[in-house]
């Protein structure tokens, strides 16, 4: 799990704290559940079915394009599909 800082409206944070207290869970649990629920509603973009890499003697950018596509689709920390995150 990664620590991060977010800016939350005061009223929303009070509500998150209330939900956490009444549910018997931590504020982190409430926020993680809310984020997972939200991200789960976004359209899924899976990995490309293939990536073709060709080298053109006149251009050196061919391999970089394929790497860019893969980097956009794969979570650099987990090595798995980003599950719709953009």
N, C-alpha and C. Protein backbone atom coordinates (compact mmCIF):
# COMPACT_ATOMS: atom_id res chain seq x y z
N UNK A 1 0.85 -1.17 0.00
CA UNK A 1 0.00 0.00 0.00
C UNK A 1 0.90 1.24 0.00
N UNK A 2 0.46 2.27 -0.69
CA UNK A 2 1.24 3.49 -0.82
C UNK A 2 0.57 4.61 -0.05
N UNK A 3 1.38 5.40 0.62
CA UNK A 3 0.87 6.58 1.33
C UNK A 3 0.80 7.73 0.35
N UNK A 4 -0.29 8.49 0.41
CA UNK A 4 -0.44 9.65 -0.46
C UNK A 4 -1.18 10.75 0.29
N UNK A 5 -1.16 11.93 -0.25
CA UNK A 5 -1.86 13.06 0.34
C UNK A 5 -2.95 13.50 -0.63
N UNK A 6 -4.15 13.71 -0.11
CA UNK A 6 -5.24 14.22 -0.93
C UNK A 6 -5.86 15.42 -0.24
N UNK A 7 -6.49 16.26 -1.03
CA UNK A 7 -7.21 17.40 -0.49
C UNK A 7 -8.69 17.06 -0.53
N UNK A 8 -9.35 17.16 0.64
CA UNK A 8 -10.76 16.79 0.76
C UNK A 8 -11.51 17.96 1.37
N UNK A 9 -12.69 18.24 0.85
CA UNK A 9 -13.52 19.28 1.43
C UNK A 9 -13.84 18.93 2.88
N UNK A 10 -13.88 19.95 3.72
CA UNK A 10 -14.09 19.73 5.16
C UNK A 10 -15.36 18.93 5.45
N UNK A 11 -16.46 19.28 4.80
CA UNK A 11 -17.73 18.58 5.03
C UNK A 11 -17.64 17.11 4.63
N UNK A 12 -16.96 16.85 3.52
CA UNK A 12 -16.81 15.47 3.06
C UNK A 12 -15.96 14.66 4.03
N UNK A 13 -14.90 15.24 4.54
CA UNK A 13 -14.05 14.53 5.50
C UNK A 13 -14.81 14.22 6.78
N UNK A 14 -15.65 15.15 7.23
CA UNK A 14 -16.48 14.88 8.41
C UNK A 14 -17.40 13.70 8.16
N UNK A 15 -17.98 13.63 6.97
CA UNK A 15 -18.86 12.52 6.63
C UNK A 15 -18.08 11.21 6.55
N UNK A 16 -16.88 11.25 5.99
CA UNK A 16 -16.04 10.04 5.92
C UNK A 16 -15.72 9.57 7.33
N UNK A 17 -15.37 10.48 8.21
CA UNK A 17 -15.08 10.11 9.60
C UNK A 17 -16.30 9.50 10.28
N UNK A 18 -17.49 10.09 10.01
CA UNK A 18 -18.72 9.56 10.61
C UNK A 18 -18.98 8.14 10.11
N UNK A 19 -18.83 7.93 8.80
CA UNK A 19 -19.05 6.60 8.22
C UNK A 19 -18.07 5.60 8.81
N UNK A 20 -16.81 5.99 8.93
CA UNK A 20 -15.80 5.09 9.50
C UNK A 20 -16.14 4.72 10.93
N UNK A 21 -16.53 5.71 11.72
CA UNK A 21 -16.83 5.45 13.13
C UNK A 21 -18.06 4.56 13.28
N UNK A 22 -19.12 4.85 12.54
CA UNK A 22 -20.34 4.05 12.67
C UNK A 22 -20.18 2.65 12.09
N UNK A 23 -19.26 2.49 11.12
CA UNK A 23 -19.03 1.18 10.52
C UNK A 23 -17.96 0.38 11.25
N UNK A 24 -17.24 1.03 12.16
CA UNK A 24 -16.19 0.33 12.89
C UNK A 24 -14.96 0.03 12.06
N UNK A 25 -14.69 0.88 11.07
CA UNK A 25 -13.51 0.70 10.23
C UNK A 25 -12.70 1.99 10.26
N UNK A 26 -11.54 1.97 9.62
CA UNK A 26 -10.70 3.16 9.59
C UNK A 26 -11.12 4.09 8.45
N UNK A 27 -10.66 5.33 8.55
CA UNK A 27 -10.91 6.29 7.47
C UNK A 27 -10.27 5.79 6.18
N UNK A 28 -9.10 5.19 6.29
CA UNK A 28 -8.42 4.62 5.12
C UNK A 28 -9.29 3.58 4.44
N UNK A 29 -9.94 2.72 5.23
CA UNK A 29 -10.82 1.69 4.66
C UNK A 29 -11.98 2.33 3.90
N UNK A 30 -12.58 3.35 4.47
CA UNK A 30 -13.71 4.02 3.81
C UNK A 30 -13.26 4.63 2.49
N UNK A 31 -12.13 5.32 2.49
CA UNK A 31 -11.63 5.96 1.27
C UNK A 31 -11.25 4.91 0.23
N UNK A 32 -10.56 3.84 0.64
CA UNK A 32 -10.19 2.78 -0.31
C UNK A 32 -11.43 2.14 -0.93
N UNK A 33 -12.44 1.86 -0.12
CA UNK A 33 -13.67 1.25 -0.65
C UNK A 33 -14.36 2.20 -1.63
N UNK A 34 -14.39 3.48 -1.31
CA UNK A 34 -15.03 4.45 -2.20
C UNK A 34 -14.27 4.56 -3.51
N UNK A 35 -12.95 4.60 -3.44
CA UNK A 35 -12.15 4.68 -4.66
C UNK A 35 -12.32 3.43 -5.53
N UNK A 36 -12.31 2.25 -4.90
CA UNK A 36 -12.49 1.01 -5.66
C UNK A 36 -13.86 0.98 -6.32
N UNK A 37 -14.89 1.44 -5.60
CA UNK A 37 -16.24 1.46 -6.18
C UNK A 37 -16.30 2.42 -7.37
N UNK A 38 -15.66 3.58 -7.24
CA UNK A 38 -15.66 4.56 -8.33
C UNK A 38 -14.87 4.05 -9.52
N UNK A 39 -13.67 3.58 -9.28
CA UNK A 39 -12.81 3.10 -10.37
C UNK A 39 -13.46 1.91 -11.06
N UNK A 40 -14.18 1.09 -10.31
CA UNK A 40 -14.86 -0.07 -10.89
C UNK A 40 -15.96 0.31 -11.86
N UNK A 41 -16.46 1.54 -11.81
CA UNK A 41 -17.51 1.97 -12.74
C UNK A 41 -16.95 2.51 -14.05
N UNK A 42 -15.64 2.74 -14.10
CA UNK A 42 -15.02 3.28 -15.31
C UNK A 42 -14.84 2.19 -16.35
N UNK A 43 -14.87 2.56 -17.64
CA UNK A 43 -14.65 1.55 -18.68
C UNK A 43 -13.27 0.92 -18.55
N UNK A 44 -13.22 -0.38 -18.76
CA UNK A 44 -11.96 -1.11 -18.65
C UNK A 44 -11.21 -1.03 -19.97
N UNK A 45 -9.91 -0.74 -19.86
CA UNK A 45 -9.04 -0.76 -21.03
C UNK A 45 -7.94 -1.77 -20.74
N UNK A 46 -8.03 -2.91 -21.37
CA UNK A 46 -7.06 -3.97 -21.12
C UNK A 46 -5.76 -3.74 -21.88
N UNK A 47 -4.90 -4.70 -21.75
CA UNK A 47 -3.64 -4.66 -22.47
C UNK A 47 -3.90 -4.83 -23.97
N UNK A 48 -3.05 -4.25 -24.78
CA UNK A 48 -3.20 -4.50 -26.21
C UNK A 48 -3.02 -5.99 -26.50
N UNK A 49 -3.73 -6.49 -27.52
CA UNK A 49 -3.64 -7.91 -27.82
C UNK A 49 -2.26 -8.27 -28.36
N UNK A 50 -1.56 -7.29 -28.93
CA UNK A 50 -0.21 -7.51 -29.39
C UNK A 50 0.47 -6.16 -29.58
N UNK A 51 1.76 -6.18 -29.67
CA UNK A 51 2.52 -4.97 -29.99
C UNK A 51 3.58 -5.36 -31.01
N UNK A 52 3.54 -4.74 -32.16
CA UNK A 52 4.53 -5.03 -33.20
C UNK A 52 5.61 -3.97 -33.13
N UNK A 53 6.84 -4.41 -33.16
CA UNK A 53 7.97 -3.49 -33.12
C UNK A 53 8.78 -3.72 -34.38
N UNK A 54 8.98 -2.64 -35.11
CA UNK A 54 9.78 -2.73 -36.32
C UNK A 54 10.82 -1.63 -36.28
N UNK A 55 11.95 -1.90 -36.84
CA UNK A 55 13.00 -0.90 -36.87
C UNK A 55 13.16 -0.41 -38.31
N UNK A 56 13.04 0.87 -38.44
CA UNK A 56 13.25 1.52 -39.73
C UNK A 56 14.63 2.15 -39.67
N UNK A 57 15.47 1.86 -40.62
CA UNK A 57 16.83 2.38 -40.60
C UNK A 57 16.87 3.90 -40.64
N UNK A 58 15.82 4.51 -41.19
CA UNK A 58 15.77 5.97 -41.26
C UNK A 58 15.21 6.60 -39.99
N UNK A 59 14.53 5.82 -39.17
CA UNK A 59 13.89 6.38 -37.98
C UNK A 59 14.21 5.52 -36.77
N UNK A 60 14.46 6.15 -35.66
CA UNK A 60 14.76 5.39 -34.44
C UNK A 60 13.59 5.40 -33.48
N UNK A 61 12.42 5.92 -33.89
CA UNK A 61 11.30 6.07 -32.96
C UNK A 61 10.36 4.87 -32.93
N UNK A 62 10.53 3.90 -33.82
CA UNK A 62 9.60 2.77 -33.89
C UNK A 62 9.47 2.00 -32.59
N UNK A 63 10.58 1.67 -31.96
CA UNK A 63 10.55 0.92 -30.71
C UNK A 63 9.99 1.74 -29.56
N UNK A 64 10.21 3.02 -29.57
CA UNK A 64 9.72 3.87 -28.51
C UNK A 64 8.20 3.94 -28.49
N UNK A 65 7.58 3.89 -29.66
CA UNK A 65 6.12 3.93 -29.73
C UNK A 65 5.51 2.70 -29.06
N UNK A 66 6.04 1.52 -29.36
CA UNK A 66 5.53 0.30 -28.75
C UNK A 66 5.74 0.32 -27.24
N UNK A 67 6.90 0.79 -26.79
CA UNK A 67 7.16 0.88 -25.36
C UNK A 67 6.18 1.83 -24.69
N UNK A 68 5.86 2.93 -25.36
CA UNK A 68 4.91 3.89 -24.82
C UNK A 68 3.53 3.24 -24.64
N UNK A 69 3.08 2.48 -25.64
CA UNK A 69 1.78 1.81 -25.57
C UNK A 69 1.74 0.85 -24.38
N UNK A 70 2.78 0.06 -24.21
CA UNK A 70 2.82 -0.91 -23.13
C UNK A 70 2.88 -0.19 -21.77
N UNK A 71 3.68 0.85 -21.67
CA UNK A 71 3.78 1.59 -20.40
C UNK A 71 2.45 2.22 -20.02
N UNK A 72 1.67 2.66 -20.99
CA UNK A 72 0.37 3.25 -20.70
C UNK A 72 -0.62 2.20 -20.19
N UNK A 73 -0.45 0.95 -20.60
CA UNK A 73 -1.40 -0.09 -20.27
C UNK A 73 -1.03 -0.92 -19.05
N UNK A 74 0.21 -0.89 -18.62
CA UNK A 74 0.67 -1.76 -17.54
C UNK A 74 1.06 -0.93 -16.32
N UNK A 75 0.62 -1.37 -15.17
CA UNK A 75 0.98 -0.73 -13.92
C UNK A 75 2.47 -0.96 -13.67
N UNK A 76 3.27 0.10 -13.56
CA UNK A 76 4.71 -0.09 -13.42
C UNK A 76 5.11 -0.74 -12.10
N UNK A 77 4.28 -0.69 -11.10
CA UNK A 77 4.63 -1.24 -9.80
C UNK A 77 4.18 -2.68 -9.65
N UNK A 78 3.04 -3.02 -10.24
CA UNK A 78 2.51 -4.37 -10.08
C UNK A 78 2.79 -5.25 -11.29
N UNK A 79 3.05 -4.65 -12.45
CA UNK A 79 3.29 -5.42 -13.66
C UNK A 79 2.02 -6.03 -14.24
N UNK A 80 0.86 -5.56 -13.80
CA UNK A 80 -0.40 -6.09 -14.29
C UNK A 80 -1.18 -4.98 -14.99
N UNK A 81 -2.28 -5.35 -15.63
CA UNK A 81 -3.11 -4.37 -16.32
C UNK A 81 -3.59 -3.31 -15.33
N UNK A 82 -3.71 -2.10 -15.81
CA UNK A 82 -4.08 -0.97 -14.95
C UNK A 82 -5.56 -0.96 -14.59
N UNK A 83 -6.35 -1.82 -15.12
CA UNK A 83 -7.77 -1.94 -14.79
C UNK A 83 -8.51 -0.62 -14.95
N UNK A 84 -8.35 0.00 -16.10
CA UNK A 84 -9.14 1.18 -16.39
C UNK A 84 -8.59 2.48 -15.87
N UNK A 85 -7.48 2.47 -15.17
CA UNK A 85 -6.93 3.72 -14.63
C UNK A 85 -6.26 4.51 -15.72
N UNK A 86 -6.53 5.77 -15.79
CA UNK A 86 -5.89 6.67 -16.75
C UNK A 86 -5.64 7.98 -16.10
